């Protein structure tokens, strides 16, 4: 029988996501933080747009744009953090 791979051993999806980037992240804490940032930022954008304009169509547009922008930005931040984690493991 083959041995079970160790947690930090290469070849896992987590290692691939940290070293390559642009791959789905499976770390629970990273996903919770990203969800909170995207959800909170989108909520703030929607409320702020409604307060300023009072127009529900503009609120929908601002919500869609903020979901896209915050999703991409938070994903890029998590990608760089993955690279930093991998660099620290290699030392």
N, C-alpha and C. Protein backbone atom coordinates (compact mmCIF):
# COMPACT_ATOMS: atom_id res chain seq x y z
N UNK A 1 0.83 -1.19 0.00
CA UNK A 1 0.00 0.00 0.00
C UNK A 1 0.87 1.24 0.00
N UNK A 2 0.38 2.26 -0.63
CA UNK A 2 1.14 3.51 -0.67
C UNK A 2 0.90 4.31 0.59
N UNK A 3 1.92 5.10 0.94
CA UNK A 3 1.80 5.93 2.13
C UNK A 3 0.93 7.14 1.85
N UNK A 4 0.27 7.60 2.88
CA UNK A 4 -0.54 8.81 2.76
C UNK A 4 0.40 10.01 2.70
N UNK A 5 0.21 10.93 1.72
CA UNK A 5 1.12 12.08 1.63
C UNK A 5 1.02 12.96 2.86
N UNK A 6 2.16 13.51 3.24
CA UNK A 6 2.18 14.44 4.36
C UNK A 6 1.47 15.72 3.99
N UNK A 7 1.06 16.47 5.00
CA UNK A 7 0.27 17.67 4.77
C UNK A 7 0.98 18.69 3.90
N UNK A 8 2.26 18.93 4.11
CA UNK A 8 2.98 19.96 3.37
C UNK A 8 3.79 19.40 2.21
N UNK A 9 3.58 18.15 1.88
CA UNK A 9 4.32 17.53 0.79
C UNK A 9 3.80 18.03 -0.55
N UNK A 10 4.69 18.15 -1.53
CA UNK A 10 4.30 18.65 -2.83
C UNK A 10 3.28 17.76 -3.53
N UNK A 11 2.62 18.32 -4.53
CA UNK A 11 1.68 17.55 -5.30
C UNK A 11 0.23 17.73 -4.90
N UNK A 12 -0.03 18.46 -3.87
CA UNK A 12 -1.40 18.67 -3.44
C UNK A 12 -1.98 19.91 -4.14
N UNK A 13 -3.29 19.99 -4.14
CA UNK A 13 -3.96 21.15 -4.75
C UNK A 13 -3.56 22.43 -4.03
N UNK A 14 -3.40 22.35 -2.72
CA UNK A 14 -3.01 23.53 -1.94
C UNK A 14 -1.64 24.04 -2.37
N UNK A 15 -0.70 23.14 -2.57
CA UNK A 15 0.64 23.53 -3.02
C UNK A 15 0.58 24.12 -4.42
N UNK A 16 -0.21 23.51 -5.28
CA UNK A 16 -0.36 24.02 -6.64
C UNK A 16 -0.94 25.43 -6.64
N UNK A 17 -1.96 25.65 -5.83
CA UNK A 17 -2.59 26.97 -5.75
C UNK A 17 -1.62 28.01 -5.22
N UNK A 18 -0.78 27.63 -4.25
CA UNK A 18 0.17 28.58 -3.68
C UNK A 18 1.31 28.90 -4.64
N UNK A 19 1.80 27.92 -5.38
CA UNK A 19 2.97 28.16 -6.21
C UNK A 19 2.61 28.75 -7.57
N UNK A 20 1.55 28.27 -8.18
CA UNK A 20 1.19 28.72 -9.53
C UNK A 20 0.31 29.95 -9.49
N UNK A 21 -0.67 29.95 -8.62
CA UNK A 21 -1.66 31.02 -8.62
C UNK A 21 -2.65 30.79 -9.75
N UNK A 22 -3.68 31.61 -9.81
CA UNK A 22 -4.72 31.51 -10.84
C UNK A 22 -5.39 30.14 -10.85
N UNK A 23 -5.36 29.43 -9.72
CA UNK A 23 -6.00 28.14 -9.54
C UNK A 23 -6.93 28.28 -8.35
N UNK A 24 -8.07 27.60 -8.34
CA UNK A 24 -8.98 27.73 -7.19
C UNK A 24 -8.29 27.44 -5.87
N UNK A 25 -8.54 28.30 -4.90
CA UNK A 25 -7.96 28.18 -3.58
C UNK A 25 -8.89 27.34 -2.71
N UNK A 26 -8.33 26.37 -1.97
CA UNK A 26 -9.17 25.51 -1.14
C UNK A 26 -8.97 25.76 0.35
N UNK A 27 -8.26 26.80 0.70
CA UNK A 27 -8.04 27.10 2.11
C UNK A 27 -9.27 27.81 2.68
N UNK A 28 -9.80 27.24 3.75
CA UNK A 28 -11.05 27.74 4.33
C UNK A 28 -10.93 29.20 4.78
N UNK A 29 -9.88 29.53 5.51
CA UNK A 29 -9.72 30.90 6.02
C UNK A 29 -9.58 31.91 4.89
N UNK A 30 -8.83 31.56 3.86
CA UNK A 30 -8.68 32.47 2.72
C UNK A 30 -10.03 32.73 2.06
N UNK A 31 -10.81 31.67 1.90
CA UNK A 31 -12.12 31.82 1.25
C UNK A 31 -13.08 32.62 2.11
N UNK A 32 -13.03 32.44 3.42
CA UNK A 32 -13.90 33.22 4.31
C UNK A 32 -13.54 34.70 4.27
N UNK A 33 -12.25 34.99 4.29
CA UNK A 33 -11.80 36.38 4.24
C UNK A 33 -12.19 37.01 2.90
N UNK A 34 -11.98 36.28 1.81
CA UNK A 34 -12.33 36.81 0.49
C UNK A 34 -13.83 37.05 0.39
N UNK A 35 -14.64 36.15 0.91
CA UNK A 35 -16.09 36.33 0.89
C UNK A 35 -16.53 37.54 1.69
N UNK A 36 -15.90 37.73 2.85
CA UNK A 36 -16.24 38.88 3.69
C UNK A 36 -15.86 40.19 3.02
N UNK A 37 -14.70 40.22 2.41
CA UNK A 37 -14.24 41.44 1.73
C UNK A 37 -15.15 41.76 0.54
N UNK A 38 -15.43 40.76 -0.28
CA UNK A 38 -16.27 40.99 -1.46
C UNK A 38 -17.69 41.35 -1.04
N UNK A 39 -18.26 40.59 -0.11
CA UNK A 39 -19.62 40.86 0.34
C UNK A 39 -19.76 42.20 1.03
N UNK A 40 -18.83 42.50 1.94
CA UNK A 40 -18.88 43.77 2.65
C UNK A 40 -18.66 44.96 1.74
N UNK A 41 -17.69 44.84 0.84
CA UNK A 41 -17.43 45.93 -0.10
C UNK A 41 -18.58 46.17 -1.05
N UNK A 42 -19.21 45.09 -1.48
CA UNK A 42 -20.36 45.21 -2.38
C UNK A 42 -21.54 45.85 -1.65
N UNK A 43 -21.75 45.46 -0.42
CA UNK A 43 -22.82 46.06 0.38
C UNK A 43 -22.58 47.55 0.57
N UNK A 44 -21.35 47.92 0.90
CA UNK A 44 -21.02 49.34 1.05
C UNK A 44 -21.22 50.11 -0.25
N UNK A 45 -20.83 49.51 -1.37
CA UNK A 45 -21.02 50.18 -2.66
C UNK A 45 -22.49 50.36 -2.98
N UNK A 46 -23.30 49.35 -2.68
CA UNK A 46 -24.74 49.44 -2.96
C UNK A 46 -25.40 50.50 -2.09
N UNK A 47 -25.11 50.49 -0.79
CA UNK A 47 -25.70 51.46 0.12
C UNK A 47 -25.23 52.87 -0.22
N UNK A 48 -23.94 53.02 -0.48
CA UNK A 48 -23.40 54.34 -0.84
C UNK A 48 -24.00 54.88 -2.12
N UNK A 49 -24.17 54.01 -3.09
CA UNK A 49 -24.78 54.44 -4.35
C UNK A 49 -26.22 54.84 -4.15
N UNK A 50 -26.94 54.10 -3.33
CA UNK A 50 -28.34 54.44 -3.08
C UNK A 50 -28.47 55.78 -2.33
N UNK A 51 -27.57 55.99 -1.37
CA UNK A 51 -27.61 57.25 -0.61
C UNK A 51 -27.31 58.43 -1.54
N UNK A 52 -26.34 58.28 -2.40
CA UNK A 52 -25.93 59.38 -3.28
C UNK A 52 -26.95 59.61 -4.39
N UNK A 53 -27.42 58.54 -5.03
CA UNK A 53 -28.27 58.72 -6.22
C UNK A 53 -29.75 58.48 -5.95
N UNK A 54 -30.07 57.53 -5.09
CA UNK A 54 -31.46 57.17 -4.85
C UNK A 54 -32.08 56.39 -6.00
N UNK A 55 -31.28 56.01 -6.96
CA UNK A 55 -31.75 55.32 -8.15
C UNK A 55 -31.41 53.83 -8.04
N UNK A 56 -32.43 52.96 -8.08
CA UNK A 56 -32.19 51.52 -7.91
C UNK A 56 -31.45 50.91 -9.10
N UNK A 57 -31.63 51.44 -10.30
CA UNK A 57 -30.90 50.92 -11.45
C UNK A 57 -29.40 51.16 -11.29
N UNK A 58 -29.04 52.33 -10.79
CA UNK A 58 -27.62 52.62 -10.57
C UNK A 58 -27.07 51.76 -9.43
N UNK A 59 -27.90 51.43 -8.46
CA UNK A 59 -27.47 50.56 -7.37
C UNK A 59 -27.15 49.17 -7.93
N UNK A 60 -27.96 48.67 -8.82
CA UNK A 60 -27.71 47.36 -9.43
C UNK A 60 -26.42 47.35 -10.24
N UNK A 61 -26.20 48.42 -10.98
CA UNK A 61 -24.96 48.52 -11.78
C UNK A 61 -23.75 48.60 -10.84
N UNK A 62 -23.82 49.41 -9.80
CA UNK A 62 -22.71 49.54 -8.86
C UNK A 62 -22.45 48.21 -8.15
N UNK A 63 -23.52 47.48 -7.83
CA UNK A 63 -23.37 46.19 -7.18
C UNK A 63 -22.66 45.20 -8.09
N UNK A 64 -23.07 45.13 -9.35
CA UNK A 64 -22.43 44.22 -10.29
C UNK A 64 -20.96 44.57 -10.51
N UNK A 65 -20.68 45.84 -10.68
CA UNK A 65 -19.30 46.27 -10.90
C UNK A 65 -18.44 45.98 -9.67
N UNK A 66 -18.96 46.26 -8.48
CA UNK A 66 -18.17 46.03 -7.27
C UNK A 66 -17.94 44.54 -7.03
N UNK A 67 -18.90 43.69 -7.35
CA UNK A 67 -18.68 42.24 -7.23
C UNK A 67 -17.53 41.79 -8.12
N UNK A 68 -17.52 42.27 -9.34
CA UNK A 68 -16.47 41.87 -10.28
C UNK A 68 -15.11 42.40 -9.85
N UNK A 69 -15.05 43.70 -9.56
CA UNK A 69 -13.77 44.33 -9.22
C UNK A 69 -13.22 43.78 -7.90
N UNK A 70 -14.05 43.69 -6.88
CA UNK A 70 -13.57 43.19 -5.59
C UNK A 70 -13.20 41.71 -5.67
N UNK A 71 -13.93 40.94 -6.46
CA UNK A 71 -13.58 39.53 -6.64
C UNK A 71 -12.22 39.36 -7.28
N UNK A 72 -11.95 40.15 -8.31
CA UNK A 72 -10.66 40.06 -8.99
C UNK A 72 -9.53 40.56 -8.08
N UNK A 73 -9.73 41.70 -7.44
CA UNK A 73 -8.67 42.26 -6.58
C UNK A 73 -8.35 41.35 -5.39
N UNK A 74 -9.39 40.83 -4.74
CA UNK A 74 -9.13 39.95 -3.60
C UNK A 74 -8.48 38.66 -4.05
N UNK A 75 -8.83 38.17 -5.24
CA UNK A 75 -8.17 36.98 -5.77
C UNK A 75 -6.70 37.22 -6.05
N UNK A 76 -6.38 38.40 -6.58
CA UNK A 76 -4.98 38.74 -6.83
C UNK A 76 -4.19 38.83 -5.53
N UNK A 77 -4.80 39.41 -4.50
CA UNK A 77 -4.14 39.51 -3.20
C UNK A 77 -3.88 38.11 -2.64
N UNK A 78 -4.86 37.23 -2.73
CA UNK A 78 -4.68 35.86 -2.24
C UNK A 78 -3.61 35.12 -3.04
N UNK A 79 -3.50 35.40 -4.34
CA UNK A 79 -2.48 34.77 -5.16
C UNK A 79 -1.09 35.19 -4.69
N UNK A 80 -0.91 36.48 -4.44
CA UNK A 80 0.40 36.97 -3.97
C UNK A 80 0.70 36.41 -2.58
N UNK A 81 -0.30 36.35 -1.70
CA UNK A 81 -0.08 35.76 -0.38
C UNK A 81 0.32 34.29 -0.49
N UNK A 82 -0.24 33.58 -1.44
CA UNK A 82 0.16 32.19 -1.67
C UNK A 82 1.61 32.09 -2.09
N UNK A 83 2.04 33.01 -2.95
CA UNK A 83 3.45 33.01 -3.35
C UNK A 83 4.36 33.29 -2.16
N UNK A 84 3.94 34.21 -1.30
CA UNK A 84 4.74 34.54 -0.11
C UNK A 84 4.81 33.33 0.81
N UNK A 85 3.69 32.64 1.02
CA UNK A 85 3.69 31.44 1.86
C UNK A 85 4.63 30.39 1.30
N UNK A 86 4.60 30.20 -0.01
CA UNK A 86 5.47 29.20 -0.63
C UNK A 86 6.93 29.59 -0.49
N UNK A 87 7.23 30.86 -0.67
CA UNK A 87 8.62 31.32 -0.53
C UNK A 87 9.13 31.09 0.88
N UNK A 88 8.26 31.30 1.87
CA UNK A 88 8.67 31.07 3.26
C UNK A 88 8.88 29.60 3.54
N UNK A 89 8.09 28.72 2.92
CA UNK A 89 8.27 27.27 3.11
C UNK A 89 9.57 26.79 2.50
N UNK A 90 10.02 27.43 1.43
CA UNK A 90 11.23 26.99 0.72
C UNK A 90 12.50 27.37 1.47
N UNK A 91 12.40 28.31 2.39
CA UNK A 91 13.60 28.74 3.13
C UNK A 91 14.05 27.69 4.11
